[in-house]
Amino acid sequence: SVKGRFSISRDNAKNTVYLQMNSLTPEDTAIYYCAAARTYSRSYTN
């Protein structure tokens, strides 16, 4: 649902990750949470 509109990036020197959100729609209304994971699979699951 966000492909082509959102872009994730990171700046490790600043210990920061970003989410650029373009072409927003009312369906994007939500509380957005940042998360960290020790493995790649957990970064999008648990």
ModelCIF file with pLDDT and N, C-alpha, C, O atoms, coordinates in Angstrom:
data_MODEL
#
_entry.id   MODEL 
#
_entity.id                         1 
_entity.type                       polymer 
_entity.pdbx_number_of_molecules   1 
#
_entity_poly.entity_id                      1 
_entity_poly.type                           'polypeptide(L)' 
_entity_poly.nstd_linkage                   no 
_entity_poly.nstd_monomer                   no 
_entity_poly.pdbx_seq_one_letter_code       SVKGRFSISRDNAKNTVYLQMNSLTPEDTAIYYCAAARTYSRSYTN 
_entity_poly.pdbx_seq_one_letter_code_can   SVKGRFSISRDNAKNTVYLQMNSLTPEDTAIYYCAAARTYSRSYTN 
_entity_poly.pdbx_strand_id                 A 
#
loop_
_entity_poly_seq.entity_id 
_entity_poly_seq.num 
_entity_poly_seq.mon_id 
_entity_poly_seq.hetero 
1 1  SER n 
1 2  VAL n 
1 3  LYS n 
1 4  GLY n 
1 5  ARG n 
1 6  PHE n 
1 7  SER n 
1 8  ILE n 
1 9  SER n 
1 10 ARG n 
1 11 ASP n 
1 12 ASN n 
1 13 ALA n 
1 14 LYS n 
1 15 ASN n 
1 16 THR n 
1 17 VAL n 
1 18 TYR n 
1 19 LEU n 
1 20 GLN n 
1 21 MET n 
1 22 ASN n 
1 23 SER n 
1 24 LEU n 
1 25 THR n 
1 26 PRO n 
1 27 GLU n 
1 28 ASP n 
1 29 THR n 
1 30 ALA n 
1 31 ILE n 
1 32 TYR n 
1 33 TYR n 
1 34 CYS n 
1 35 ALA n 
1 36 ALA n 
1 37 ALA n 
1 38 ARG n 
1 39 THR n 
1 40 TYR n 
1 41 SER n 
1 42 ARG n 
1 43 SER n 
1 44 TYR n 
1 45 THR n 
1 46 ASN n 
#
_struct_asym.id          A 
_struct_asym.entity_id   1 
#
loop_
_ma_qa_metric.id 
_ma_qa_metric.mode 
_ma_qa_metric.name 
_ma_qa_metric.software_group_id 
_ma_qa_metric.type 
1 global pLDDT . pLDDT 
2 local  pLDDT . pLDDT 
#
_ma_qa_metric_global.metric_id      1 
_ma_qa_metric_global.metric_value   95.46 
_ma_qa_metric_global.model_id       1 
_ma_qa_metric_global.ordinal_id     1 
#
loop_
_ma_qa_metric_local.label_asym_id 
_ma_qa_metric_local.label_comp_id 
_ma_qa_metric_local.label_seq_id 
_ma_qa_metric_local.metric_id 
_ma_qa_metric_local.metric_value 
_ma_qa_metric_local.model_id 
_ma_qa_metric_local.ordinal_id 
A SER 1  2 97.00 1 1  
A VAL 2  2 98.00 1 2  
A LYS 3  2 97.00 1 3  
A GLY 4  2 97.00 1 4  
A ARG 5  2 98.00 1 5  
A PHE 6  2 98.00 1 6  
A SER 7  2 98.00 1 7  
A ILE 8  2 98.00 1 8  
A SER 9  2 97.00 1 9  
A ARG 10 2 94.00 1 10 
A ASP 11 2 93.00 1 11 
A ASN 12 2 88.00 1 12 
A ALA 13 2 88.00 1 13 
A LYS 14 2 90.00 1 14 
A ASN 15 2 90.00 1 15 
A THR 16 2 94.00 1 16 
A VAL 17 2 96.00 1 17 
A TYR 18 2 98.00 1 18 
A LEU 19 2 98.00 1 19 
A GLN 20 2 98.00 1 20 
A MET 21 2 98.00 1 21 
A ASN 22 2 98.00 1 22 
A SER 23 2 98.00 1 23 
A LEU 24 2 98.00 1 24 
A THR 25 2 97.00 1 25 
A PRO 26 2 97.00 1 26 
A GLU 27 2 96.00 1 27 
A ASP 28 2 97.00 1 28 
A THR 29 2 98.00 1 29 
A ALA 30 2 98.00 1 30 
A ILE 31 2 98.00 1 31 
A TYR 32 2 98.00 1 32 
A TYR 33 2 98.00 1 33 
A CYS 34 2 97.00 1 34 
A ALA 35 2 97.00 1 35 
A ALA 36 2 95.00 1 36 
A ALA 37 2 95.00 1 37 
A ARG 38 2 91.00 1 38 
A THR 39 2 93.00 1 39 
A TYR 40 2 91.00 1 40 
A SER 41 2 93.00 1 41 
A ARG 42 2 94.00 1 42 
A SER 43 2 91.00 1 43 
A TYR 44 2 93.00 1 44 
A THR 45 2 93.00 1 45 
A ASN 46 2 94.00 1 46 
#
loop_
_atom_site.group_PDB 
_atom_site.id 
_atom_site.type_symbol 
_atom_site.label_atom_id 
_atom_site.label_alt_id 
_atom_site.label_comp_id 
_atom_site.label_asym_id 
_atom_site.label_entity_id 
_atom_site.label_seq_id 
_atom_site.pdbx_PDB_ins_code 
_atom_site.Cartn_x 
_atom_site.Cartn_y 
_atom_site.Cartn_z 
_atom_site.occupancy 
_atom_site.B_iso_or_equiv 
_atom_site.pdbx_formal_charge 
_atom_site.auth_seq_id 
_atom_site.auth_comp_id 
_atom_site.auth_asym_id 
_atom_site.auth_atom_id 
_atom_site.pdbx_PDB_model_num 
ATOM 1   N N  . SER A 1 1  ? 0.793  -1.218  0.000  1.00 97.00 ? 1  SER A N  1 
ATOM 2   C CA . SER A 1 1  ? 0.000  0.000   0.000  1.00 97.00 ? 1  SER A CA 1 
ATOM 3   C C  . SER A 1 1  ? 0.834  1.281   0.000  1.00 97.00 ? 1  SER A C  1 
ATOM 4   O O  . SER A 1 1  ? 0.307  2.355   -0.291 1.00 97.00 ? 1  SER A O  1 
ATOM 5   N N  . VAL A 1 2  ? 2.124  1.187   0.321  1.00 98.00 ? 2  VAL A N  1 
ATOM 6   C CA . VAL A 1 2  ? 2.962  2.383   0.371  1.00 98.00 ? 2  VAL A CA 1 
ATOM 7   C C  . VAL A 1 2  ? 4.063  2.380   -0.674 1.00 98.00 ? 2  VAL A C  1 
ATOM 8   O O  . VAL A 1 2  ? 4.804  3.357   -0.785 1.00 98.00 ? 2  VAL A O  1 
ATOM 9   N N  . LYS A 1 3  ? 4.189  1.317   -1.437 1.00 97.00 ? 3  LYS A N  1 
ATOM 10  C CA . LYS A 1 3  ? 5.228  1.242   -2.460 1.00 97.00 ? 3  LYS A CA 1 
ATOM 11  C C  . LYS A 1 3  ? 5.071  2.379   -3.467 1.00 97.00 ? 3  LYS A C  1 
ATOM 12  O O  . LYS A 1 3  ? 3.974  2.645   -3.957 1.00 97.00 ? 3  LYS A O  1 
ATOM 13  N N  . GLY A 1 4  ? 6.176  3.037   -3.763 1.00 97.00 ? 4  GLY A N  1 
ATOM 14  C CA . GLY A 1 4  ? 6.157  4.160   -4.685 1.00 97.00 ? 4  GLY A CA 1 
ATOM 15  C C  . GLY A 1 4  ? 5.831  5.478   -4.035 1.00 97.00 ? 4  GLY A C  1 
ATOM 16  O O  . GLY A 1 4  ? 6.006  6.526   -4.658 1.00 97.00 ? 4  GLY A O  1 
ATOM 17  N N  . ARG A 1 5  ? 5.359  5.464   -2.793 1.00 98.00 ? 5  ARG A N  1 
ATOM 18  C CA . ARG A 1 5  ? 5.011  6.690   -2.085 1.00 98.00 ? 5  ARG A CA 1 
ATOM 19  C C  . ARG A 1 5  ? 5.918  6.949   -0.885 1.00 98.00 ? 5  ARG A C  1 
ATOM 20  O O  . ARG A 1 5  ? 6.271  8.095   -0.605 1.00 98.00 ? 5  ARG A O  1 
ATOM 21  N N  . PHE A 1 6  ? 6.291  5.889   -0.181 1.00 98.00 ? 6  PHE A N  1 
ATOM 22  C CA . PHE A 1 6  ? 7.125  6.008   1.009  1.00 98.00 ? 6  PHE A CA 1 
ATOM 23  C C  . PHE A 1 6  ? 8.543  5.552   0.696  1.00 98.00 ? 6  PHE A C  1 
ATOM 24  O O  . PHE A 1 6  ? 8.759  4.713   -0.179 1.00 98.00 ? 6  PHE A O  1 
ATOM 25  N N  . SER A 1 7  ? 9.503  6.109   1.417  1.00 98.00 ? 7  SER A N  1 
ATOM 26  C CA . SER A 1 7  ? 10.891 5.725   1.259  1.00 98.00 ? 7  SER A CA 1 
ATOM 27  C C  . SER A 1 7  ? 11.570 5.704   2.624  1.00 98.00 ? 7  SER A C  1 
ATOM 28  O O  . SER A 1 7  ? 11.542 6.696   3.352  1.00 98.00 ? 7  SER A O  1 
ATOM 29  N N  . ILE A 1 8  ? 12.174 4.579   2.965  1.00 98.00 ? 8  ILE A N  1 
ATOM 30  C CA . ILE A 1 8  ? 12.898 4.452   4.215  1.00 98.00 ? 8  ILE A CA 1 
ATOM 31  C C  . ILE A 1 8  ? 14.386 4.628   3.953  1.00 98.00 ? 8  ILE A C  1 
ATOM 32  O O  . ILE A 1 8  ? 14.904 4.159   2.939  1.00 98.00 ? 8  ILE A O  1 
ATOM 33  N N  . SER A 1 9  ? 15.067 5.301   4.864  1.00 97.00 ? 9  SER A N  1 
ATOM 34  C CA . SER A 1 9  ? 16.501 5.511   4.747  1.00 97.00 ? 9  SER A CA 1 
ATOM 35  C C  . SER A 1 9  ? 17.100 5.603   6.139  1.00 97.00 ? 9  SER A C  1 
ATOM 36  O O  . SER A 1 9  ? 16.375 5.702   7.129  1.00 97.00 ? 9  SER A O  1 
ATOM 37  N N  . ARG A 1 10 ? 18.415 5.571   6.213  1.00 94.00 ? 10 ARG A N  1 
ATOM 38  C CA . ARG A 1 10 ? 19.065 5.682   7.512  1.00 94.00 ? 10 ARG A CA 1 
ATOM 39  C C  . ARG A 1 10 ? 20.373 6.434   7.391  1.00 94.00 ? 10 ARG A C  1 
ATOM 40  O O  . ARG A 1 10 ? 21.036 6.410   6.354  1.00 94.00 ? 10 ARG A O  1 
ATOM 41  N N  . ASP A 1 11 ? 20.726 7.099   8.471  1.00 93.00 ? 11 ASP A N  1 
ATOM 42  C CA . ASP A 1 11 ? 21.991 7.803   8.593  1.00 93.00 ? 11 ASP A CA 1 
ATOM 43  C C  . ASP A 1 11 ? 22.628 7.280   9.871  1.00 93.00 ? 11 ASP A C  1 
ATOM 44  O O  . ASP A 1 11 ? 22.348 7.776   10.962 1.00 93.00 ? 11 ASP A O  1 
ATOM 45  N N  . ASN A 1 12 ? 23.475 6.288   9.732  1.00 88.00 ? 12 ASN A N  1 
ATOM 46  C CA . ASN A 1 12 ? 24.032 5.628   10.904 1.00 88.00 ? 12 ASN A CA 1 
ATOM 47  C C  . ASN A 1 12 ? 24.922 6.556   11.734 1.00 88.00 ? 12 ASN A C  1 
ATOM 48  O O  . ASN A 1 12 ? 25.039 6.376   12.946 1.00 88.00 ? 12 ASN A O  1 
ATOM 49  N N  . ALA A 1 13 ? 25.546 7.540   11.096 1.00 88.00 ? 13 ALA A N  1 
ATOM 50  C CA . ALA A 1 13 ? 26.373 8.490   11.826 1.00 88.00 ? 13 ALA A CA 1 
ATOM 51  C C  . ALA A 1 13 ? 25.548 9.316   12.805 1.00 88.00 ? 13 ALA A C  1 
ATOM 52  O O  . ALA A 1 13 ? 26.065 9.782   13.820 1.00 88.00 ? 13 ALA A O  1 
ATOM 53  N N  . LYS A 1 14 ? 24.258 9.498   12.499 1.00 90.00 ? 14 LYS A N  1 
ATOM 54  C CA . LYS A 1 14 ? 23.354 10.251  13.363 1.00 90.00 ? 14 LYS A CA 1 
ATOM 55  C C  . LYS A 1 14 ? 22.452 9.355   14.195 1.00 90.00 ? 14 LYS A C  1 
ATOM 56  O O  . LYS A 1 14 ? 21.587 9.846   14.921 1.00 90.00 ? 14 LYS A O  1 
ATOM 57  N N  . ASN A 1 15 ? 22.646 8.047   14.097 1.00 90.00 ? 15 ASN A N  1 
ATOM 58  C CA . ASN A 1 15 ? 21.796 7.080   14.800 1.00 90.00 ? 15 ASN A CA 1 
ATOM 59  C C  . ASN A 1 15 ? 20.320 7.319   14.503 1.00 90.00 ? 15 ASN A C  1 
ATOM 60  O O  . ASN A 1 15 ? 19.479 7.261   15.400 1.00 90.00 ? 15 ASN A O  1 
ATOM 61  N N  . THR A 1 16 ? 20.017 7.587   13.248 1.00 94.00 ? 16 THR A N  1 
ATOM 62  C CA . THR A 1 16 ? 18.677 7.992   12.867 1.00 94.00 ? 16 THR A CA 1 
ATOM 63  C C  . THR A 1 16 ? 18.197 7.232   11.636 1.00 94.00 ? 16 THR A C  1 
ATOM 64  O O  . THR A 1 16 ? 18.956 6.999   10.696 1.00 94.00 ? 16 THR A O  1 
ATOM 65  N N  . VAL A 1 17 ? 16.932 6.853   11.660 1.00 96.00 ? 17 VAL A N  1 
ATOM 66  C CA . VAL A 1 17 ? 16.272 6.272   10.505 1.00 96.00 ? 17 VAL A CA 1 
ATOM 67  C C  . VAL A 1 17 ? 15.098 7.173   10.139 1.00 96.00 ? 17 VAL A C  1 
ATOM 68  O O  . VAL A 1 17 ? 14.466 7.761   11.017 1.00 96.00 ? 17 VAL A O  1 
ATOM 69  N N  . TYR A 1 18 ? 14.806 7.281   8.848  1.00 98.00 ? 18 TYR A N  1 
ATOM 70  C CA . TYR A 1 18 ? 13.781 8.183   8.350  1.00 98.00 ? 18 TYR A CA 1 
ATOM 71  C C  . TYR A 1 18 ? 12.718 7.421   7.574  1.00 98.00 ? 18 TYR A C  1 
ATOM 72  O O  . TYR A 1 18 ? 12.968 6.347   7.026  1.00 98.00 ? 18 TYR A O  1 
ATOM 73  N N  . LEU A 1 19 ? 11.538 8.000   7.541  1.00 98.00 ? 19 LEU A N  1 
ATOM 74  C CA . LEU A 1 19 ? 10.485 7.525   6.662  1.00 98.00 ? 19 LEU A CA 1 
ATOM 75  C C  . LEU A 1 19 ? 9.912  8.733   5.935  1.00 98.00 ? 19 LEU A C  1 
ATOM 76  O O  . LEU A 1 19 ? 9.170  9.525   6.517  1.00 98.00 ? 19 LEU A O  1 
ATOM 77  N N  . GLN A 1 20 ? 10.259 8.870   4.663  1.00 98.00 ? 20 GLN A N  1 
ATOM 78  C CA . GLN A 1 20 ? 9.714  9.933   3.827  1.00 98.00 ? 20 GLN A CA 1 
ATOM 79  C C  . GLN A 1 20 ? 8.387  9.461   3.257  1.00 98.00 ? 20 GLN A C  1 
ATOM 80  O O  . GLN A 1 20 ? 8.326  8.431   2.586  1.00 98.00 ? 20 GLN A O  1 
ATOM 81  N N  . MET A 1 21 ? 7.330  10.207  3.521  1.00 98.00 ? 21 MET A N  1 
ATOM 82  C CA . MET A 1 21 ? 5.989  9.831   3.107  1.00 98.00 ? 21 MET A CA 1 
ATOM 83  C C  . MET A 1 21 ? 5.448  10.883  2.153  1.00 98.00 ? 21 MET A C  1 
ATOM 84  O O  . MET A 1 21 ? 5.274  12.042  2.530  1.00 98.00 ? 21 MET A O  1 
ATOM 85  N N  . ASN A 1 22 ? 5.185  10.480  0.928  1.00 98.00 ? 22 ASN A N  1 
ATOM 86  C CA . ASN A 1 22 ? 4.659  11.366  -0.097 1.00 98.00 ? 22 ASN A CA 1 
ATOM 87  C C  . ASN A 1 22 ? 3.278  10.898  -0.541 1.00 98.00 ? 22 ASN A C  1 
ATOM 88  O O  . ASN A 1 22 ? 2.884  9.759   -0.293 1.00 98.00 ? 22 ASN A O  1 
ATOM 89  N N  . SER A 1 23 ? 2.554  11.793  -1.200 1.00 98.00 ? 23 SER A N  1 
ATOM 90  C CA . SER A 1 23 ? 1.223  11.483  -1.726 1.00 98.00 ? 23 SER A CA 1 
ATOM 91  C C  . SER A 1 23 ? 0.335  10.850  -0.662 1.00 98.00 ? 23 SER A C  1 
ATOM 92  O O  . SER A 1 23 ? -0.310 9.830   -0.902 1.00 98.00 ? 23 SER A O  1 
ATOM 93  N N  . LEU A 1 24 ? 0.312  11.455  0.492  1.00 98.00 ? 24 LEU A N  1 
ATOM 94  C CA . LEU A 1 24 ? -0.431 10.899  1.617  1.00 98.00 ? 24 LEU A CA 1 
ATOM 95  C C  . LEU A 1 24 ? -1.934 10.935  1.373  1.00 98.00 ? 24 LEU A C  1 
ATOM 96  O O  . LEU A 1 24 ? -2.460 11.851  0.741  1.00 98.00 ? 24 LEU A O  1 
ATOM 97  N N  . THR A 1 25 ? -2.603 9.922   1.885  1.00 97.00 ? 25 THR A N  1 
ATOM 98  C CA . THR A 1 25 ? -4.053 9.811   1.809  1.00 97.00 ? 25 THR A CA 1 
ATOM 99  C C  . THR A 1 25 ? -4.611 9.635   3.210  1.00 97.00 ? 25 THR A C  1 
ATOM 100 O O  . THR A 1 25 ? -3.865 9.291   4.127  1.00 97.00 ? 25 THR A O  1 
ATOM 101 N N  . PRO A 1 26 ? -5.917 9.863   3.401  1.00 97.00 ? 26 PRO A N  1 
ATOM 102 C CA . PRO A 1 26 ? -6.503 9.655   4.730  1.00 97.00 ? 26 PRO A CA 1 
ATOM 103 C C  . PRO A 1 26 ? -6.297 8.246   5.262  1.00 97.00 ? 26 PRO A C  1 
ATOM 104 O O  . PRO A 1 26 ? -6.285 8.048   6.477  1.00 97.00 ? 26 PRO A O  1 
ATOM 105 N N  . GLU A 1 27 ? -6.136 7.262   4.383  1.00 96.00 ? 27 GLU A N  1 
ATOM 106 C CA . GLU A 1 27 ? -5.894 5.889   4.814  1.00 96.00 ? 27 GLU A CA 1 
ATOM 107 C C  . GLU A 1 27 ? -4.537 5.719   5.483  1.00 96.00 ? 27 GLU A C  1 
ATOM 108 O O  . GLU A 1 27 ? -4.291 4.700   6.128  1.00 96.00 ? 27 GLU A O  1 
ATOM 109 N N  . ASP A 1 28 ? -3.660 6.693   5.339  1.00 97.00 ? 28 ASP A N  1 
ATOM 110 C CA . ASP A 1 28 ? -2.362 6.649   5.995  1.00 97.00 ? 28 ASP A CA 1 
ATOM 111 C C  . ASP A 1 28 ? -2.416 7.164   7.427  1.00 97.00 ? 28 ASP A C  1 
ATOM 112 O O  . ASP A 1 28 ? -1.420 7.084   8.145  1.00 97.00 ? 28 ASP A O  1 
ATOM 113 N N  . THR A 1 29 ? -3.548 7.687   7.850  1.00 98.00 ? 29 THR A N  1 
ATOM 114 C CA . THR A 1 29 ? -3.698 8.199   9.210  1.00 98.00 ? 29 THR A CA 1 
ATOM 115 C C  . THR A 1 29 ? -3.499 7.070   10.214 1.00 98.00 ? 29 THR A C  1 
ATOM 116 O O  . THR A 1 29 ? -4.183 6.048   10.152 1.00 98.00 ? 29 THR A O  1 
ATOM 117 N N  . ALA A 1 30 ? -2.569 7.259   11.129 1.00 98.00 ? 30 ALA A N  1 
ATOM 118 C CA . ALA A 1 30 ? -2.244 6.227   12.113 1.00 98.00 ? 30 ALA A CA 1 
ATOM 119 C C  . ALA A 1 30 ? -1.177 6.754   13.055 1.00 98.00 ? 30 ALA A C  1 
ATOM 120 O O  . ALA A 1 30 ? -0.596 7.816   12.831 1.00 98.00 ? 30 ALA A O  1 
ATOM 121 N N  . ILE A 1 31 ? -0.931 5.999   14.106 1.00 98.00 ? 31 ILE A N  1 
ATOM 122 C CA . ILE A 1 31 ? 0.252  6.219   14.915 1.00 98.00 ? 31 ILE A CA 1 
ATOM 123 C C  . ILE A 1 31 ? 1.372  5.401   14.294 1.00 98.00 ? 31 ILE A C  1 
ATOM 124 O O  . ILE A 1 31 ? 1.223  4.200   14.071 1.00 98.00 ? 31 ILE A O  1 
ATOM 125 N N  . TYR A 1 32 ? 2.480  6.047   14.020 1.00 98.00 ? 32 TYR A N  1 
ATOM 126 C CA . TYR A 1 32 ? 3.614  5.390   13.386 1.00 98.00 ? 32 TYR A CA 1 
ATOM 127 C C  . TYR A 1 32 ? 4.688  5.094   14.423 1.00 98.00 ? 32 TYR A C  1 
ATOM 128 O O  . TYR A 1 32 ? 5.081  5.963   15.200 1.00 98.00 ? 32 TYR A O  1 
ATOM 129 N N  . TYR A 1 33 ? 5.154  3.851   14.418 1.00 98.00 ? 33 TYR A N  1 
ATOM 130 C CA . TYR A 1 33 ? 6.131  3.380   15.386 1.00 98.00 ? 33 TYR A CA 1 
ATOM 131 C C  . TYR A 1 33 ? 7.427  2.975   14.697 1.00 98.00 ? 33 TYR A C  1 
ATOM 132 O O  . TYR A 1 33 ? 7.416  2.297   13.669 1.00 98.00 ? 33 TYR A O  1 
ATOM 133 N N  . CYS A 1 34 ? 8.515  3.392   15.268 1.00 97.00 ? 34 CYS A N  1 
ATOM 134 C CA . CYS A 1 34 ? 9.832  2.946   14.857 1.00 97.00 ? 34 CYS A CA 1 
ATOM 135 C C  . CYS A 1 34 ? 10.206 1.704   15.650 1.00 97.00 ? 34 CYS A C  1 
ATOM 136 O O  . CYS A 1 34 ? 9.847  1.587   16.821 1.00 97.00 ? 34 CYS A O  1 
ATOM 137 N N  . ALA A 1 35 ? 10.919 0.780   15.028 1.00 97.00 ? 35 ALA A N  1 
ATOM 138 C CA . ALA A 1 35 ? 11.297 -0.453  15.695 1.00 97.00 ? 35 ALA A CA 1 
ATOM 139 C C  . ALA A 1 35 ? 12.697 -0.883  15.279 1.00 97.00 ? 35 ALA A C  1 
ATOM 140 O O  . ALA A 1 35 ? 13.160 -0.562  14.185 1.00 97.00 ? 35 ALA A O  1 
ATOM 141 N N  . ALA A 1 36 ? 13.362 -1.614  16.168 1.00 95.00 ? 36 ALA A N  1 
ATOM 142 C CA . ALA A 1 36 ? 14.701 -2.134  15.922 1.00 95.00 ? 36 ALA A CA 1 
ATOM 143 C C  . ALA A 1 36 ? 14.714 -3.629  16.175 1.00 95.00 ? 36 ALA A C  1 
ATOM 144 O O  . ALA A 1 36 ? 14.033 -4.122  17.074 1.00 95.00 ? 36 ALA A O  1 
ATOM 145 N N  . ALA A 1 37 ? 15.494 -4.348  15.376 1.00 95.00 ? 37 ALA A N  1 
ATOM 146 C CA . ALA A 1 37 ? 15.555 -5.793  15.475 1.00 95.00 ? 37 ALA A CA 1 
ATOM 147 C C  . ALA A 1 37 ? 16.976 -6.294  15.295 1.00 95.00 ? 37 ALA A C  1 
ATOM 148 O O  . ALA A 1 37 ? 17.767 -5.700  14.563 1.00 95.00 ? 37 ALA A O  1 
ATOM 149 N N  . ARG A 1 38 ? 17.292 -7.386  15.964 1.00 91.00 ? 38 ARG A N  1 
ATOM 150 C CA . ARG A 1 38 ? 18.624 -7.969  15.867 1.00 91.00 ? 38 ARG A CA 1 
ATOM 151 C C  . ARG A 1 38 ? 18.804 -8.783  14.596 1.00 91.00 ? 38 ARG A C  1 
ATOM 152 O O  . ARG A 1 38 ? 19.933 -8.977  14.144 1.00 91.00 ? 38 ARG A O  1 
ATOM 153 N N  . THR A 1 39 ? 17.726 -9.257  14.018 1.00 93.00 ? 39 THR A N  1 
ATOM 154 C CA . THR A 1 39 ? 17.789 -9.966  12.751 1.00 93.00 ? 39 THR A CA 1 
ATOM 155 C C  . THR A 1 39 ? 16.890 -9.272  11.743 1.00 93.00 ? 39 THR A C  1 
ATOM 156 O O  . THR A 1 39 ? 15.946 -8.573  12.113 1.00 93.00 ? 39 THR A O  1 
ATOM 157 N N  . TYR A 1 40 ? 17.193 -9.473  10.457 1.00 91.00 ? 40 TYR A N  1 
ATOM 158 C CA . TYR A 1 40 ? 16.435 -8.789  9.424  1.00 91.00 ? 40 TYR A CA 1 
ATOM 159 C C  . TYR A 1 40 ? 14.973 -9.229  9.424  1.00 91.00 ? 40 TYR A C  1 
ATOM 160 O O  . TYR A 1 40 ? 14.079 -8.393  9.291  1.00 91.00 ? 40 TYR A O  1 
ATOM 161 N N  . SER A 1 41 ? 14.721 -10.515 9.570  1.00 93.00 ? 41 SER A N  1 
ATOM 162 C CA . SER A 1 41 ? 13.350 -11.003 9.528  1.00 93.00 ? 41 SER A CA 1 
ATOM 163 C C  . SER A 1 41 ? 12.507 -10.424 10.666 1.00 93.00 ? 41 SER A C  1 
ATOM 164 O O  . SER A 1 41 ? 11.318 -10.162 10.483 1.00 93.00 ? 41 SER A O  1 
ATOM 165 N N  . ARG A 1 42 ? 13.102 -10.227 11.814 1.00 94.00 ? 42 ARG A N  1 
ATOM 166 C CA . ARG A 1 42 ? 12.364 -9.662  12.936 1.00 94.00 ? 42 ARG A CA 1 
ATOM 167 C C  . ARG A 1 42 ? 12.039 -8.193  12.739 1.00 94.00 ? 42 ARG A C  1 
ATOM 168 O O  . ARG A 1 42 ? 11.132 -7.676  13.392 1.00 94.00 ? 42 ARG A O  1 
ATOM 169 N N  . SER A 1 43 ? 12.747 -7.512  11.864 1.00 91.00 ? 43 SER A N  1 
ATOM 170 C CA . SER A 1 43 ? 12.509 -6.094  11.640 1.00 91.00 ? 43 SER A CA 1 
ATOM 171 C C  . SER A 1 43 ? 11.151 -5.832  11.004 1.00 91.00 ? 43 SER A C  1 
ATOM 172 O O  . SER A 1 43 ? 10.635 -4.718  11.098 1.00 91.00 ? 43 SER A O  1 
ATOM 173 N N  . TYR A 1 44 ? 10.562 -6.837  10.359 1.00 93.00 ? 44 TYR A N  1 
ATOM 174 C CA . TYR A 1 44 ? 9.242  -6.669  9.773  1.00 93.00 ? 44 TYR A CA 1 
ATOM 175 C C  . TYR A 1 44 ? 8.218  -7.649  10.347 1.00 93.00 ? 44 TYR A C  1 
ATOM 176 O O  . TYR A 1 44 ? 7.104  -7.750  9.832  1.00 93.00 ? 44 TYR A O  1 
ATOM 177 N N  . THR A 1 45 ? 8.582  -8.361  11.395 1.00 93.00 ? 45 THR A N  1 
ATOM 178 C CA . THR A 1 45 ? 7.655  -9.289  12.035 1.00 93.00 ? 45 THR A CA 1 
ATOM 179 C C  . THR A 1 45 ? 7.526  -9.020  13.533 1.00 93.00 ? 45 THR A C  1 
ATOM 180 O O  . THR A 1 45 ? 6.463  -8.619  14.006 1.00 93.00 ? 45 THR A O  1 
ATOM 181 N N  . ASN A 1 46 ? 8.596  -9.240  14.265 1.00 94.00 ? 46 ASN A N  1 
ATOM 182 C CA . ASN A 1 46 ? 8.565  -9.124  15.723 1.00 94.00 ? 46 ASN A CA 1 
ATOM 183 C C  . ASN A 1 46 ? 9.822  -8.417  16.215 1.00 94.00 ? 46 ASN A C  1 
ATOM 184 O O  . ASN A 1 46 ? 9.989  -8.219  17.418 1.00 94.00 ? 46 ASN A O  1 
#
